[in-house]
Amino acid sequence: MKEAASVVTTFTEMMNESNKIKAEEVAMKKEEIVLAQQKLELERARYELDKAEREARFAVEKKEREAQIEFMRSTIEMMRALTK
């Protein structure tokens, strides 16, 4: 009878330890998922920042090109006026 109780106790302890290990694995997996999600959010924010920076740079360069074109036009008009 004592042997059966000992076996049951040992089995119960093994199951408890197994459950504890499984719970730790689940907790680690949850943490891994949270970290992966945070990484994804950071990558998305970096993408949005890079996109905004490119768009701003493009807008500035476009204004500069438009100013250069306007300067060339006014120079051509001035040269035409001088040659008349």
Foldseek 3Di string as FASTA:
>chain_A
DVVVVVVVVVVVVVVVVVVVVVVVVVVVVVVVVVVVVVVVVVVVVVVVVVVVVVVVVVVVVVVVVVVVVVVVVVVVVVVVVVVD
